[in-house]
PDB file of N, CA and C in Angstrom:
ATOM      1  N   MET A   1       1.009  -1.079   0.047  1.00  0.00           N
ATOM      2  CA  MET A   1      -0.307  -0.193  -0.225  1.00  0.00           C
ATOM      3  C   MET A   1       0.793   1.287   0.348  1.00  0.00           C
ATOM      4  N   GLN A   2       2.183   1.203   0.554  1.00  0.00           N
ATOM      5  CA  GLN A   2       2.652   2.468   1.232  1.00  0.00           C
ATOM      6  C   GLN A   2       3.502   2.413  -0.951  1.00  0.00           C
ATOM      7  N   GLU A   3       4.009   1.762  -1.591  1.00  0.00           N
ATOM      8  CA  GLU A   3       3.998   1.929  -2.619  1.00  0.00           C
ATOM      9  C   GLU A   3       2.825   2.463  -3.928  1.00  0.00           C
ATOM     10  N   ASN A   4       2.236   2.186  -3.443  1.00  0.00           N
ATOM     11  CA  ASN A   4       0.920   2.751  -4.452  1.00  0.00           C
ATOM     12  C   ASN A   4       0.438   4.063  -3.884  1.00  0.00           C
ATOM     13  N   ASP A   5       0.543   4.461  -2.882  1.00  0.00           N
ATOM     14  CA  ASP A   5       0.575   6.099  -2.553  1.00  0.00           C
ATOM     15  C   ASP A   5       1.452   6.766  -2.482  1.00  0.00           C
ATOM     16  N   ARG A   6       2.624   6.264  -3.170  1.00  0.00           N
ATOM     17  CA  ARG A   6       3.681   7.201  -3.632  1.00  0.00           C
ATOM     18  C   ARG A   6       3.420   7.498  -5.128  1.00  0.00           C
ATOM     19  N   LEU A   7       2.996   5.829  -5.883  1.00  0.00           N
ATOM     20  CA  LEU A   7       2.963   5.897  -7.226  1.00  0.00           C
ATOM     21  C   LEU A   7       1.850   7.011  -7.543  1.00  0.00           C
ATOM     22  N   LEU A   8       0.769   7.266  -6.984  1.00  0.00           N
ATOM     23  CA  LEU A   8      -0.577   7.704  -7.325  1.00  0.00           C
ATOM     24  C   LEU A   8      -0.597   9.000  -6.803  1.00  0.00           C
ATOM     25  N   PRO A   9      -1.256   9.809  -7.029  1.00  0.00           N
ATOM     26  CA  PRO A   9      -1.449  11.030  -6.442  1.00  0.00           C
ATOM     27  C   PRO A   9      -2.239  11.179  -5.470  1.00  0.00           C
ATOM     28  N   PRO A  10      -2.494  12.038  -4.428  1.00  0.00           N
ATOM     29  CA  PRO A  10      -3.050  12.101  -3.478  1.00  0.00           C
ATOM     30  C   PRO A  10      -5.270  11.853  -4.195  1.00  0.00           C
ATOM     31  N   LEU A  11      -5.080  11.642  -2.885  1.00  0.00           N
ATOM     32  CA  LEU A  11      -6.772  11.169  -3.239  1.00  0.00           C
ATOM     33  C   LEU A  11      -7.980  12.577  -3.121  1.00  0.00           C
ATOM     34  N   PRO A  12      -8.744  12.874  -4.114  1.00  0.00           N
ATOM     35  CA  PRO A  12      -9.326  14.356  -4.054  1.00  0.00           C
ATOM     36  C   PRO A  12     -10.280  14.767  -2.811  1.00  0.00           C
ATOM     37  N   ALA A  13      -9.647  16.245  -2.094  1.00  0.00           N
ATOM     38  CA  ALA A  13     -10.287  16.293  -1.172  1.00  0.00           C
ATOM     39  C   ALA A  13     -11.727  16.162  -1.343  1.00  0.00           C
ATOM     40  N   ASP A  14     -12.550  16.472  -2.820  1.00  0.00           N
ATOM     41  CA  ASP A  14     -13.794  16.595  -2.903  1.00  0.00           C
ATOM     42  C   ASP A  14     -13.593  15.207  -3.938  1.00  0.00           C
ATOM     43  N   GLN A  15     -14.522  14.785  -3.441  1.00  0.00           N
ATOM     44  CA  GLN A  15     -14.906  13.202  -4.252  1.00  0.00           C
ATOM     45  C   GLN A  15     -15.870  13.220  -5.008  1.00  0.00           C
ATOM     46  N   ARG A  16     -16.852  14.201  -5.245  1.00  0.00           N
ATOM     47  CA  ARG A  16     -17.682  14.392  -6.119  1.00  0.00           C
ATOM     48  C   ARG A  16     -17.170  15.576  -7.127  1.00  0.00           C
ATOM     49  N   LYS A  17     -16.376  16.078  -7.094  1.00  0.00           N
ATOM     50  CA  LYS A  17     -15.265  16.529  -8.170  1.00  0.00           C
ATOM     51  C   LYS A  17     -13.679  16.525  -8.159  1.00  0.00           C
ATOM     52  N   PRO A  18     -13.371  15.236  -9.019  1.00  0.00           N
ATOM     53  CA  PRO A  18     -12.028  14.983  -8.188  1.00  0.00           C
ATOM     54  C   PRO A  18     -11.242  15.176  -9.647  1.00  0.00           C
ATOM     55  N   THR A  19     -10.268  16.307  -8.860  1.00  0.00           N
ATOM     56  CA  THR A  19      -9.423  16.515  -9.564  1.00  0.00           C
ATOM     57  C   THR A  19      -7.791  16.519  -9.791  1.00  0.00           C
ATOM     58  N   LEU A  20      -7.217  16.774 -10.718  1.00  0.00           N
ATOM     59  CA  LEU A  20      -5.739  16.453 -10.810  1.00  0.00           C
ATOM     60  C   LEU A  20      -5.569  17.974 -11.320  1.00  0.00           C
ATOM     61  N   ASP A  21      -4.870  18.389 -11.253  1.00  0.00           N
ATOM     62  CA  ASP A  21      -3.941  19.678 -11.265  1.00  0.00           C
ATOM     63  C   ASP A  21      -5.247  20.392 -11.826  1.00  0.00           C
ATOM     64  N   SER A  22      -5.805  20.734 -11.027  1.00  0.00           N
ATOM     65  CA  SER A  22      -7.053  21.538 -11.582  1.00  0.00           C
ATOM     66  C   SER A  22      -7.915  20.970 -13.275  1.00  0.00           C
ATOM     67  N   LYS A  23      -7.386  19.743 -12.682  1.00  0.00           N
ATOM     68  CA  LYS A  23      -8.495  19.550 -14.331  1.00  0.00           C
ATOM     69  C   LYS A  23      -9.165  18.038 -14.145  1.00  0.00           C
ATOM     70  N   LEU A  24     -10.232  17.683 -14.686  1.00  0.00           N
ATOM     71  CA  LEU A  24     -10.717  16.420 -13.950  1.00  0.00           C
ATOM     72  C   LEU A  24     -10.003  15.336 -14.158  1.00  0.00           C
ATOM     73  N   ALA A  25     -10.238  14.381 -13.276  1.00  0.00           N
ATOM     74  CA  ALA A  25      -9.123  13.442 -13.246  1.00  0.00           C
ATOM     75  C   ALA A  25      -9.773  12.231 -14.340  1.00  0.00           C
ATOM     76  N   ASP A  26      -8.994  11.577 -15.170  1.00  0.00           N
ATOM     77  CA  ASP A  26      -9.143  11.048 -16.371  1.00  0.00           C
ATOM     78  C   ASP A  26      -9.617   9.572 -15.377  1.00  0.00           C
ATOM     79  N   ASN A  27     -10.199   8.747 -16.275  1.00  0.00           N
ATOM     80  CA  ASN A  27     -10.712   7.592 -15.938  1.00  0.00           C
ATOM     81  C   ASN A  27      -9.664   6.281 -14.876  1.00  0.00           C
ATOM     82  N   THR A  28      -8.483   6.332 -15.399  1.00  0.00           N
ATOM     83  CA  THR A  28      -7.677   5.827 -14.732  1.00  0.00           C
ATOM     84  C   THR A  28      -7.260   5.729 -13.351  1.00  0.00           C
ATOM     85  N   HIS A  29      -7.069   7.404 -13.242  1.00  0.00           N
ATOM     86  CA  HIS A  29      -7.350   8.063 -12.138  1.00  0.00           C
ATOM     87  C   HIS A  29      -8.117   7.454 -10.955  1.00  0.00           C
ATOM     88  N   LEU A  30      -9.686   7.637 -11.727  1.00  0.00           N
ATOM     89  CA  LEU A  30     -10.492   7.171 -10.741  1.00  0.00           C
ATOM     90  C   LEU A  30     -10.555   5.732 -10.286  1.00  0.00           C
ATOM     91  N   VAL A  31     -10.685   4.929 -11.484  1.00  0.00           N
ATOM     92  CA  VAL A  31     -10.707   3.514 -11.301  1.00  0.00           C
ATOM     93  C   VAL A  31      -9.266   3.547  -9.935  1.00  0.00           C
ATOM     94  N   TRP A  32      -8.251   4.044 -10.049  1.00  0.00           N
ATOM     95  CA  TRP A  32      -7.246   3.649  -9.173  1.00  0.00           C
ATOM     96  C   TRP A  32      -7.643   3.840  -7.670  1.00  0.00           C
ATOM     97  N   TRP A  33      -8.099   5.436  -7.737  1.00  0.00           N
ATOM     98  CA  TRP A  33      -8.597   6.064  -6.645  1.00  0.00           C
ATOM     99  C   TRP A  33      -9.257   4.998  -5.840  1.00  0.00           C
ATOM    100  N   LEU A  34     -10.553   4.618  -6.863  1.00  0.00           N
ATOM    101  CA  LEU A  34     -11.734   3.837  -6.241  1.00  0.00           C
ATOM    102  C   LEU A  34     -11.135   2.389  -5.337  1.00  0.00           C
ATOM    103  N   ALA A  35     -10.066   2.026  -6.003  1.00  0.00           N
ATOM    104  CA  ALA A  35      -9.400   0.719  -5.946  1.00  0.00           C
ATOM    105  C   ALA A  35      -8.739   0.647  -4.792  1.00  0.00           C
ATOM    106  N   THR A  36      -7.686   1.579  -4.787  1.00  0.00           N
ATOM    107  CA  THR A  36      -7.270   2.306  -3.268  1.00  0.00           C
ATOM    108  C   THR A  36      -7.916   2.434  -2.006  1.00  0.00           C
ATOM    109  N   GLN A  37      -9.303   3.336  -2.447  1.00  0.00           N
ATOM    110  CA  GLN A  37      -9.956   3.133  -0.708  1.00  0.00           C
ATOM    111  C   GLN A  37     -10.458   2.105  -0.613  1.00  0.00           C
ATOM    112  N   GLU A  38     -11.430   1.140  -1.343  1.00  0.00           N
ATOM    113  CA  GLU A  38     -11.614  -0.201  -1.357  1.00  0.00           C
ATOM    114  C   GLU A  38     -10.484  -1.328  -0.691  1.00  0.00           C
ATOM    115  N   ALA A  39      -9.417  -1.298  -1.058  1.00  0.00           N
ATOM    116  CA  ALA A  39      -8.317  -2.189  -0.391  1.00  0.00           C
ATOM    117  C   ALA A  39      -8.192  -1.871   0.615  1.00  0.00           C
ATOM    118  N   LYS A  40      -8.272  -0.270   1.149  1.00  0.00           N
ATOM    119  CA  LYS A  40      -7.372  -0.037   2.464  1.00  0.00           C
ATOM    120  C   LYS A  40      -8.607  -0.334   3.203  1.00  0.00           C
ATOM    121  N   ALA A  41     -10.426  -0.215   2.640  1.00  0.00           N
ATOM    122  CA  ALA A  41     -10.887  -0.306   4.039  1.00  0.00           C
ATOM    123  C   ALA A  41     -11.352  -1.957   4.271  1.00  0.00           C
ATOM    124  N   LEU A  42     -10.595  -2.751   3.235  1.00  0.00           N
ATOM    125  CA  LEU A  42     -10.577  -4.506   3.729  1.00  0.00           C
ATOM    126  C   LEU A  42      -9.350  -4.406   4.462  1.00  0.00           C
ATOM    127  N   ILE A  43      -7.894  -4.309   4.138  1.00  0.00           N
ATOM    128  CA  ILE A  43      -7.121  -4.501   4.888  1.00  0.00           C
ATOM    129  C   ILE A  43      -7.380  -3.671   6.622  1.00  0.00           C
ATOM    130  N   TYR A  44      -7.708  -2.182   6.156  1.00  0.00           N
ATOM    131  CA  TYR A  44      -7.815  -1.324   7.535  1.00  0.00           C
ATOM    132  C   TYR A  44      -8.984  -1.357   7.805  1.00  0.00           C
ATOM    133  N   PRO A  45      -9.643  -2.226   8.302  1.00  0.00           N
ATOM    134  CA  PRO A  45     -11.184  -1.751   8.792  1.00  0.00           C
ATOM    135  C   PRO A  45     -11.704  -0.771   9.921  1.00  0.00           C
ATOM    136  N   LYS A  46     -12.011  -0.664  10.268  1.00  0.00           N
ATOM    137  CA  LYS A  46     -12.864   1.305  10.760  1.00  0.00           C
ATOM    138  C   LYS A  46     -13.594   0.131  12.114  1.00  0.00           C
ATOM    139  N   ILE A  47     -12.989  -0.102  13.224  1.00  0.00           N
ATOM    140  CA  ILE A  47     -13.830  -1.015  14.545  1.00  0.00           C
ATOM    141  C   ILE A  47     -14.500  -0.005  15.333  1.00  0.00           C
ATOM    142  N   ASP A  48     -15.926   0.109  15.119  1.00  0.00           N
ATOM    143  CA  ASP A  48     -16.949   0.981  16.414  1.00  0.00           C
ATOM    144  C   ASP A  48     -17.237   0.357  17.267  1.00  0.00           C
ATOM    145  N   ASP A  49     -16.823   1.114  17.709  1.00  0.00           N
ATOM    146  CA  ASP A  49     -17.005   0.743  19.472  1.00  0.00           C
ATOM    147  C   ASP A  49     -18.516   1.017  20.051  1.00  0.00           C
TER     148      ASP A  49
END
């Protein structure tokens, strides 16, 4: 995961308007961001008390 984080631009602050260098992100980055989010959720689940 750490290598993936180094290679991929940071996740957008506003997920409804994903931008990269002030332009809308392309499909490749969108898929990569979504896959990274899902993988992190599976590997590091949030445990509610």
